[in-house]
N, C-alpha and C. Protein backbone atom coordinates (compact mmCIF):
# COMPACT_ATOMS: atom_id res chain seq x y z
N MET A 1 -33.83 -86.88 125.64
CA MET A 1 -33.16 -87.31 124.44
C MET A 1 -33.67 -86.44 123.28
N PRO A 2 -32.75 -85.89 122.46
CA PRO A 2 -33.18 -85.03 121.36
C PRO A 2 -33.90 -85.82 120.28
N LYS A 3 -34.81 -85.12 119.65
CA LYS A 3 -35.58 -85.74 118.58
C LYS A 3 -34.78 -85.66 117.27
N VAL A 4 -34.74 -86.73 116.55
CA VAL A 4 -34.02 -86.79 115.27
C VAL A 4 -35.02 -86.46 114.16
N PHE A 5 -34.65 -85.51 113.33
CA PHE A 5 -35.52 -85.12 112.23
C PHE A 5 -35.23 -86.00 111.03
N ARG A 6 -36.26 -86.69 110.55
CA ARG A 6 -36.15 -87.51 109.36
C ARG A 6 -37.21 -87.05 108.38
N PRO A 7 -36.79 -86.39 107.29
CA PRO A 7 -37.79 -85.90 106.35
C PRO A 7 -38.53 -87.06 105.69
N SER A 8 -39.81 -86.83 105.47
CA SER A 8 -40.60 -87.84 104.79
C SER A 8 -40.24 -87.84 103.31
N THR A 9 -40.75 -88.81 102.60
CA THR A 9 -40.49 -88.91 101.16
C THR A 9 -40.98 -87.66 100.44
N ARG A 10 -42.14 -87.20 100.84
CA ARG A 10 -42.72 -86.00 100.22
C ARG A 10 -41.81 -84.78 100.44
N GLU A 11 -41.36 -84.61 101.68
CA GLU A 11 -40.46 -83.49 101.98
C GLU A 11 -39.15 -83.62 101.22
N SER A 12 -38.65 -84.81 101.14
CA SER A 12 -37.41 -85.05 100.40
C SER A 12 -37.57 -84.70 98.92
N ASN A 13 -38.69 -85.07 98.35
CA ASN A 13 -38.96 -84.75 96.95
C ASN A 13 -39.04 -83.25 96.72
N ILE A 14 -39.70 -82.56 97.62
CA ILE A 14 -39.82 -81.10 97.50
C ILE A 14 -38.45 -80.44 97.61
N LEU A 15 -37.66 -80.85 98.59
CA LEU A 15 -36.31 -80.30 98.75
C LEU A 15 -35.45 -80.59 97.53
N SER A 16 -35.59 -81.77 96.99
CA SER A 16 -34.84 -82.14 95.79
C SER A 16 -35.22 -81.26 94.60
N LYS A 17 -36.52 -81.00 94.45
CA LYS A 17 -36.98 -80.16 93.34
C LYS A 17 -36.48 -78.73 93.50
N ILE A 18 -36.46 -78.23 94.72
CA ILE A 18 -35.95 -76.87 94.96
C ILE A 18 -34.48 -76.80 94.58
N GLU A 19 -33.70 -77.77 95.03
CA GLU A 19 -32.27 -77.79 94.70
C GLU A 19 -32.05 -77.92 93.20
N SER A 20 -32.84 -78.75 92.55
CA SER A 20 -32.72 -78.93 91.11
C SER A 20 -33.05 -77.65 90.36
N SER A 21 -34.08 -76.95 90.79
CA SER A 21 -34.44 -75.70 90.12
C SER A 21 -33.38 -74.63 90.33
N LYS A 22 -32.79 -74.59 91.51
CA LYS A 22 -31.70 -73.62 91.77
C LYS A 22 -30.51 -73.94 90.88
N GLU A 23 -30.18 -75.20 90.78
CA GLU A 23 -29.04 -75.62 89.95
C GLU A 23 -29.31 -75.33 88.48
N HIS A 24 -30.53 -75.57 88.04
CA HIS A 24 -30.90 -75.29 86.65
C HIS A 24 -30.81 -73.80 86.36
N GLU A 25 -31.30 -72.99 87.27
CA GLU A 25 -31.25 -71.52 87.10
C GLU A 25 -29.80 -71.04 87.03
N LYS A 26 -28.95 -71.59 87.87
CA LYS A 26 -27.54 -71.21 87.89
C LYS A 26 -26.87 -71.58 86.56
N LYS A 27 -27.11 -72.79 86.07
CA LYS A 27 -26.52 -73.21 84.79
C LYS A 27 -27.04 -72.36 83.64
N SER A 28 -28.33 -72.06 83.66
CA SER A 28 -28.93 -71.23 82.63
C SER A 28 -28.32 -69.84 82.62
N THR A 29 -28.14 -69.27 83.80
CA THR A 29 -27.53 -67.95 83.93
C THR A 29 -26.11 -67.96 83.38
N LEU A 30 -25.33 -68.95 83.77
CA LEU A 30 -23.95 -69.04 83.31
C LEU A 30 -23.88 -69.21 81.79
N ASN A 31 -24.78 -70.00 81.22
CA ASN A 31 -24.79 -70.17 79.77
C ASN A 31 -25.15 -68.88 79.05
N SER A 32 -26.11 -68.14 79.60
CA SER A 32 -26.51 -66.85 79.00
C SER A 32 -25.34 -65.88 78.99
N ILE A 33 -24.62 -65.84 80.10
CA ILE A 33 -23.48 -64.93 80.23
C ILE A 33 -22.35 -65.38 79.30
N LYS A 34 -22.13 -66.68 79.24
CA LYS A 34 -21.05 -67.23 78.41
C LYS A 34 -21.25 -66.89 76.94
N GLU A 35 -22.50 -66.95 76.48
CA GLU A 35 -22.80 -66.68 75.07
C GLU A 35 -22.54 -65.23 74.67
N ARG A 36 -22.62 -64.32 75.64
CA ARG A 36 -22.48 -62.89 75.33
C ARG A 36 -21.42 -62.23 76.22
N ILE A 37 -20.35 -62.95 76.48
CA ILE A 37 -19.35 -62.52 77.45
C ILE A 37 -18.73 -61.16 77.12
N GLU A 38 -18.46 -60.90 75.86
CA GLU A 38 -17.85 -59.61 75.48
C GLU A 38 -18.78 -58.45 75.82
N GLU A 39 -20.04 -58.60 75.49
CA GLU A 39 -21.02 -57.54 75.76
C GLU A 39 -21.19 -57.32 77.26
N VAL A 40 -21.23 -58.40 78.01
CA VAL A 40 -21.40 -58.33 79.46
C VAL A 40 -20.22 -57.58 80.08
N CYS A 41 -19.01 -57.97 79.71
CA CYS A 41 -17.81 -57.34 80.26
C CYS A 41 -17.77 -55.85 79.94
N ASN A 42 -18.07 -55.51 78.70
CA ASN A 42 -18.07 -54.11 78.28
C ASN A 42 -19.10 -53.32 79.08
N SER A 43 -20.29 -53.87 79.21
CA SER A 43 -21.37 -53.20 79.91
C SER A 43 -21.04 -52.98 81.39
N ILE A 44 -20.52 -54.00 82.04
CA ILE A 44 -20.18 -53.88 83.46
C ILE A 44 -19.08 -52.86 83.67
N ALA A 45 -18.01 -52.96 82.89
CA ALA A 45 -16.88 -52.02 83.03
C ALA A 45 -17.33 -50.59 82.78
N MET A 46 -18.13 -50.40 81.74
CA MET A 46 -18.60 -49.06 81.40
C MET A 46 -19.44 -48.47 82.53
N LYS A 47 -20.37 -49.23 83.08
CA LYS A 47 -21.23 -48.72 84.14
C LYS A 47 -20.47 -48.47 85.44
N LEU A 48 -19.51 -49.32 85.75
CA LEU A 48 -18.72 -49.09 86.97
C LEU A 48 -17.94 -47.77 86.86
N VAL A 49 -17.42 -47.49 85.67
CA VAL A 49 -16.68 -46.25 85.45
C VAL A 49 -17.64 -45.06 85.39
N GLU A 50 -18.74 -45.20 84.63
CA GLU A 50 -19.72 -44.11 84.50
C GLU A 50 -20.32 -43.72 85.83
N ASN A 51 -20.62 -44.70 86.67
CA ASN A 51 -21.21 -44.43 87.98
C ASN A 51 -20.17 -44.03 89.03
N ARG A 52 -18.96 -43.89 88.58
CA ARG A 52 -17.84 -43.47 89.43
C ARG A 52 -17.62 -44.40 90.63
N LEU A 53 -17.85 -45.67 90.39
CA LEU A 53 -17.56 -46.67 91.41
C LEU A 53 -16.12 -47.16 91.28
N ILE A 54 -15.58 -47.04 90.07
CA ILE A 54 -14.18 -47.36 89.82
C ILE A 54 -13.54 -46.18 89.11
N GLU A 55 -12.39 -45.78 89.62
CA GLU A 55 -11.59 -44.77 88.93
C GLU A 55 -10.41 -45.52 88.32
N THR A 56 -10.24 -45.36 87.01
CA THR A 56 -9.22 -46.13 86.31
C THR A 56 -8.49 -45.28 85.29
N THR A 57 -7.32 -45.74 84.91
CA THR A 57 -6.56 -45.08 83.86
C THR A 57 -6.78 -45.79 82.52
N ASN A 58 -7.43 -46.97 82.54
CA ASN A 58 -7.60 -47.75 81.32
C ASN A 58 -8.85 -48.63 81.44
N LYS A 59 -9.96 -48.19 80.85
CA LYS A 59 -11.22 -48.96 80.92
C LYS A 59 -11.10 -50.32 80.25
N SER A 60 -10.32 -50.39 79.18
CA SER A 60 -10.15 -51.67 78.47
C SER A 60 -9.50 -52.73 79.35
N ALA A 61 -8.59 -52.31 80.20
CA ALA A 61 -7.94 -53.26 81.11
C ALA A 61 -8.94 -53.78 82.13
N ILE A 62 -9.83 -52.91 82.59
CA ILE A 62 -10.88 -53.33 83.53
C ILE A 62 -11.80 -54.33 82.86
N GLU A 63 -12.18 -54.03 81.63
CA GLU A 63 -13.04 -54.92 80.85
C GLU A 63 -12.38 -56.30 80.70
N GLU A 64 -11.11 -56.31 80.40
CA GLU A 64 -10.37 -57.57 80.22
C GLU A 64 -10.30 -58.35 81.53
N GLN A 65 -10.10 -57.66 82.64
CA GLN A 65 -10.05 -58.34 83.94
C GLN A 65 -11.41 -58.95 84.31
N ILE A 66 -12.48 -58.24 83.98
CA ILE A 66 -13.82 -58.77 84.25
C ILE A 66 -14.08 -60.00 83.37
N LYS A 67 -13.58 -59.96 82.14
CA LYS A 67 -13.72 -61.12 81.26
C LYS A 67 -12.99 -62.33 81.85
N ILE A 68 -11.80 -62.12 82.33
CA ILE A 68 -11.04 -63.20 82.96
C ILE A 68 -11.80 -63.74 84.17
N CYS A 69 -12.39 -62.85 84.95
CA CYS A 69 -13.19 -63.24 86.12
C CYS A 69 -14.36 -64.12 85.71
N ILE A 70 -15.09 -63.71 84.68
CA ILE A 70 -16.26 -64.48 84.23
C ILE A 70 -15.84 -65.84 83.66
N GLU A 71 -14.75 -65.87 82.92
CA GLU A 71 -14.26 -67.14 82.40
C GLU A 71 -13.88 -68.08 83.53
N LYS A 72 -13.28 -67.53 84.58
CA LYS A 72 -12.92 -68.35 85.74
C LYS A 72 -14.19 -68.86 86.43
N LEU A 73 -15.20 -68.00 86.53
CA LEU A 73 -16.48 -68.39 87.13
C LEU A 73 -17.11 -69.56 86.38
N ILE A 74 -17.10 -69.48 85.07
CA ILE A 74 -17.71 -70.52 84.24
C ILE A 74 -17.02 -71.87 84.44
N LYS A 75 -15.71 -71.84 84.66
CA LYS A 75 -14.94 -73.07 84.84
C LYS A 75 -14.89 -73.57 86.27
N SER A 76 -15.31 -72.75 87.23
CA SER A 76 -15.21 -73.10 88.65
C SER A 76 -16.26 -74.11 89.07
N ASP A 77 -15.92 -74.89 90.09
CA ASP A 77 -16.91 -75.79 90.68
C ASP A 77 -17.63 -75.06 91.81
N ASP A 78 -18.63 -75.70 92.38
CA ASP A 78 -19.46 -75.06 93.41
C ASP A 78 -18.64 -74.61 94.61
N PHE A 79 -17.68 -75.41 95.03
CA PHE A 79 -16.87 -75.04 96.20
C PHE A 79 -16.09 -73.76 95.94
N GLU A 80 -15.45 -73.66 94.79
CA GLU A 80 -14.67 -72.47 94.46
C GLU A 80 -15.55 -71.22 94.39
N ILE A 81 -16.72 -71.37 93.83
CA ILE A 81 -17.66 -70.25 93.75
C ILE A 81 -18.11 -69.84 95.15
N ASP A 82 -18.51 -70.80 95.96
CA ASP A 82 -18.95 -70.49 97.32
C ASP A 82 -17.83 -69.85 98.14
N TYR A 83 -16.61 -70.30 97.95
CA TYR A 83 -15.46 -69.73 98.67
C TYR A 83 -15.25 -68.27 98.28
N GLN A 84 -15.35 -67.98 97.00
CA GLN A 84 -15.13 -66.62 96.50
C GLN A 84 -16.22 -65.66 96.99
N ILE A 85 -17.47 -66.12 97.01
CA ILE A 85 -18.57 -65.21 97.35
C ILE A 85 -18.93 -65.20 98.84
N SER A 86 -18.34 -66.08 99.61
CA SER A 86 -18.74 -66.20 101.02
C SER A 86 -18.69 -64.89 101.81
N PRO A 87 -17.70 -64.02 101.65
CA PRO A 87 -17.71 -62.77 102.43
C PRO A 87 -18.83 -61.81 102.01
N PHE A 88 -19.43 -62.02 100.86
CA PHE A 88 -20.41 -61.09 100.31
C PHE A 88 -21.82 -61.69 100.23
N ARG A 89 -21.99 -62.88 100.75
CA ARG A 89 -23.24 -63.61 100.63
C ARG A 89 -24.44 -62.83 101.17
N PHE A 90 -24.23 -61.98 102.16
CA PHE A 90 -25.34 -61.29 102.80
C PHE A 90 -25.45 -59.82 102.38
N VAL A 91 -24.84 -59.47 101.27
CA VAL A 91 -24.94 -58.09 100.76
C VAL A 91 -26.38 -57.77 100.40
N VAL A 92 -27.06 -58.72 99.79
CA VAL A 92 -28.49 -58.59 99.45
C VAL A 92 -29.19 -59.88 99.83
N PRO A 93 -30.51 -59.83 100.06
CA PRO A 93 -31.23 -61.03 100.51
C PRO A 93 -31.19 -62.22 99.55
N THR A 94 -31.43 -62.01 98.26
CA THR A 94 -31.41 -63.11 97.30
C THR A 94 -30.48 -62.73 96.15
N PRO A 95 -29.19 -62.96 96.32
CA PRO A 95 -28.22 -62.51 95.31
C PRO A 95 -28.18 -63.39 94.08
N ASN A 96 -27.80 -62.78 92.98
CA ASN A 96 -27.51 -63.50 91.75
C ASN A 96 -26.05 -63.95 91.86
N VAL A 97 -25.80 -65.23 91.66
CA VAL A 97 -24.46 -65.78 91.88
C VAL A 97 -23.41 -65.13 90.97
N VAL A 98 -23.78 -64.84 89.73
CA VAL A 98 -22.83 -64.23 88.80
C VAL A 98 -22.48 -62.82 89.27
N SER A 99 -23.49 -62.04 89.61
CA SER A 99 -23.27 -60.67 90.08
C SER A 99 -22.46 -60.66 91.37
N LEU A 100 -22.76 -61.58 92.25
CA LEU A 100 -22.04 -61.65 93.53
C LEU A 100 -20.58 -62.04 93.32
N TYR A 101 -20.34 -62.97 92.42
CA TYR A 101 -18.98 -63.41 92.12
C TYR A 101 -18.16 -62.26 91.54
N ILE A 102 -18.75 -61.52 90.61
CA ILE A 102 -18.04 -60.39 90.00
C ILE A 102 -17.83 -59.28 91.03
N THR A 103 -18.80 -59.06 91.89
CA THR A 103 -18.65 -58.06 92.96
C THR A 103 -17.48 -58.43 93.87
N ALA A 104 -17.41 -59.68 94.26
CA ALA A 104 -16.31 -60.15 95.11
C ALA A 104 -14.97 -59.94 94.40
N PHE A 105 -14.93 -60.22 93.11
CA PHE A 105 -13.71 -60.01 92.33
C PHE A 105 -13.31 -58.54 92.32
N VAL A 106 -14.27 -57.67 92.06
CA VAL A 106 -13.99 -56.23 91.97
C VAL A 106 -13.46 -55.71 93.31
N VAL A 107 -14.14 -56.07 94.39
CA VAL A 107 -13.79 -55.54 95.71
C VAL A 107 -12.49 -56.12 96.25
N GLU A 108 -12.26 -57.40 96.03
CA GLU A 108 -11.10 -58.05 96.63
C GLU A 108 -9.86 -58.08 95.75
N GLN A 109 -10.03 -58.21 94.42
CA GLN A 109 -8.87 -58.41 93.57
C GLN A 109 -8.61 -57.27 92.59
N LEU A 110 -9.65 -56.76 91.99
CA LEU A 110 -9.49 -55.70 90.99
C LEU A 110 -8.90 -54.44 91.60
N ILE A 111 -9.14 -54.22 92.86
CA ILE A 111 -8.62 -53.03 93.54
C ILE A 111 -7.09 -53.00 93.50
N ASN A 112 -6.46 -54.15 93.39
CA ASN A 112 -5.00 -54.23 93.35
C ASN A 112 -4.41 -54.15 91.94
N HIS A 113 -5.27 -54.02 90.94
CA HIS A 113 -4.80 -53.97 89.55
C HIS A 113 -4.09 -52.65 89.29
N LYS A 114 -3.05 -52.67 88.47
CA LYS A 114 -2.23 -51.48 88.22
C LYS A 114 -3.00 -50.33 87.57
N ASP A 115 -4.06 -50.62 86.82
CA ASP A 115 -4.83 -49.57 86.14
C ASP A 115 -5.99 -49.03 86.97
N VAL A 116 -6.20 -49.57 88.16
CA VAL A 116 -7.26 -49.09 89.04
C VAL A 116 -6.67 -48.08 90.00
N VAL A 117 -7.21 -46.86 89.94
CA VAL A 117 -6.76 -45.81 90.86
C VAL A 117 -7.41 -46.02 92.22
N ASP A 118 -8.74 -46.21 92.21
CA ASP A 118 -9.46 -46.45 93.45
C ASP A 118 -10.85 -47.01 93.15
N ILE A 119 -11.43 -47.64 94.16
CA ILE A 119 -12.80 -48.15 94.06
C ILE A 119 -13.62 -47.45 95.13
N PHE A 120 -14.75 -46.91 94.71
CA PHE A 120 -15.63 -46.15 95.60
C PHE A 120 -16.94 -46.88 95.78
N GLY A 121 -17.71 -46.45 96.78
CA GLY A 121 -19.03 -47.03 96.99
C GLY A 121 -18.98 -48.24 97.90
N SER A 122 -20.13 -48.58 98.40
CA SER A 122 -20.24 -49.75 99.28
C SER A 122 -20.30 -51.02 98.44
N ASP A 123 -20.14 -52.15 99.10
CA ASP A 123 -20.26 -53.45 98.42
C ASP A 123 -21.65 -53.57 97.79
N GLU A 124 -22.65 -53.08 98.49
CA GLU A 124 -24.03 -53.16 97.99
C GLU A 124 -24.20 -52.31 96.72
N GLU A 125 -23.64 -51.12 96.69
CA GLU A 125 -23.74 -50.26 95.50
C GLU A 125 -23.05 -50.91 94.30
N ILE A 126 -21.90 -51.49 94.55
CA ILE A 126 -21.16 -52.16 93.47
C ILE A 126 -21.95 -53.37 92.98
N TYR A 127 -22.50 -54.15 93.91
CA TYR A 127 -23.32 -55.31 93.53
C TYR A 127 -24.50 -54.89 92.66
N HIS A 128 -25.23 -53.87 93.10
CA HIS A 128 -26.42 -53.44 92.35
C HIS A 128 -26.06 -52.93 90.96
N CYS A 129 -24.95 -52.22 90.83
CA CYS A 129 -24.51 -51.74 89.52
C CYS A 129 -24.20 -52.93 88.60
N ILE A 130 -23.47 -53.89 89.12
CA ILE A 130 -23.12 -55.08 88.34
C ILE A 130 -24.36 -55.90 88.03
N ASN A 131 -25.22 -56.08 89.01
CA ASN A 131 -26.42 -56.91 88.83
C ASN A 131 -27.35 -56.34 87.76
N ARG A 132 -27.49 -55.02 87.70
CA ARG A 132 -28.35 -54.42 86.67
C ARG A 132 -27.83 -54.77 85.28
N GLN A 133 -26.52 -54.81 85.11
CA GLN A 133 -25.95 -55.15 83.81
C GLN A 133 -26.09 -56.64 83.52
N VAL A 134 -25.83 -57.47 84.50
CA VAL A 134 -25.91 -58.93 84.32
C VAL A 134 -27.34 -59.34 83.97
N THR A 135 -28.32 -58.80 84.67
CA THR A 135 -29.71 -59.21 84.43
C THR A 135 -30.20 -58.82 83.02
N LYS A 136 -29.62 -57.80 82.44
CA LYS A 136 -29.98 -57.43 81.07
C LYS A 136 -29.67 -58.58 80.11
N PHE A 137 -28.59 -59.28 80.38
CA PHE A 137 -28.16 -60.35 79.46
C PHE A 137 -28.75 -61.71 79.81
N ILE A 138 -29.24 -61.86 81.02
CA ILE A 138 -29.84 -63.13 81.43
C ILE A 138 -31.26 -63.23 80.86
N HIS A 139 -32.01 -62.16 80.90
CA HIS A 139 -33.41 -62.19 80.53
C HIS A 139 -33.66 -61.94 79.05
N ASN A 140 -32.63 -61.72 78.29
CA ASN A 140 -32.79 -61.50 76.83
C ASN A 140 -32.63 -62.79 76.08
């Protein structure tokens, strides 16, 4: 007969604290991004174009699409976020949810935008480019 695992009160408290801290970090990150959304969008679009990860005919349109993506992220519930990022969850060991969400958007949806000529680089390269920009605004 298989053994049933029943966490003790202590284990339950620790697991609860871990989940609470993850949730707090996620909310804090989203609030930081929300407060400076214009700067974040500009920075991400500029770096994607500068690093030649996106070839476009109109950088402003890319910036606007990223803004729409971030606004959707801010309004989304956990299920919608998890659904969007699920194909990219293992791109890096400990991903930033905002960077991963924007990466998923760029790779899956932005590629079909009329002003995007092509998207270059691996998912990991795109994630790292986006993450460097996002972390600038989270830690400030």
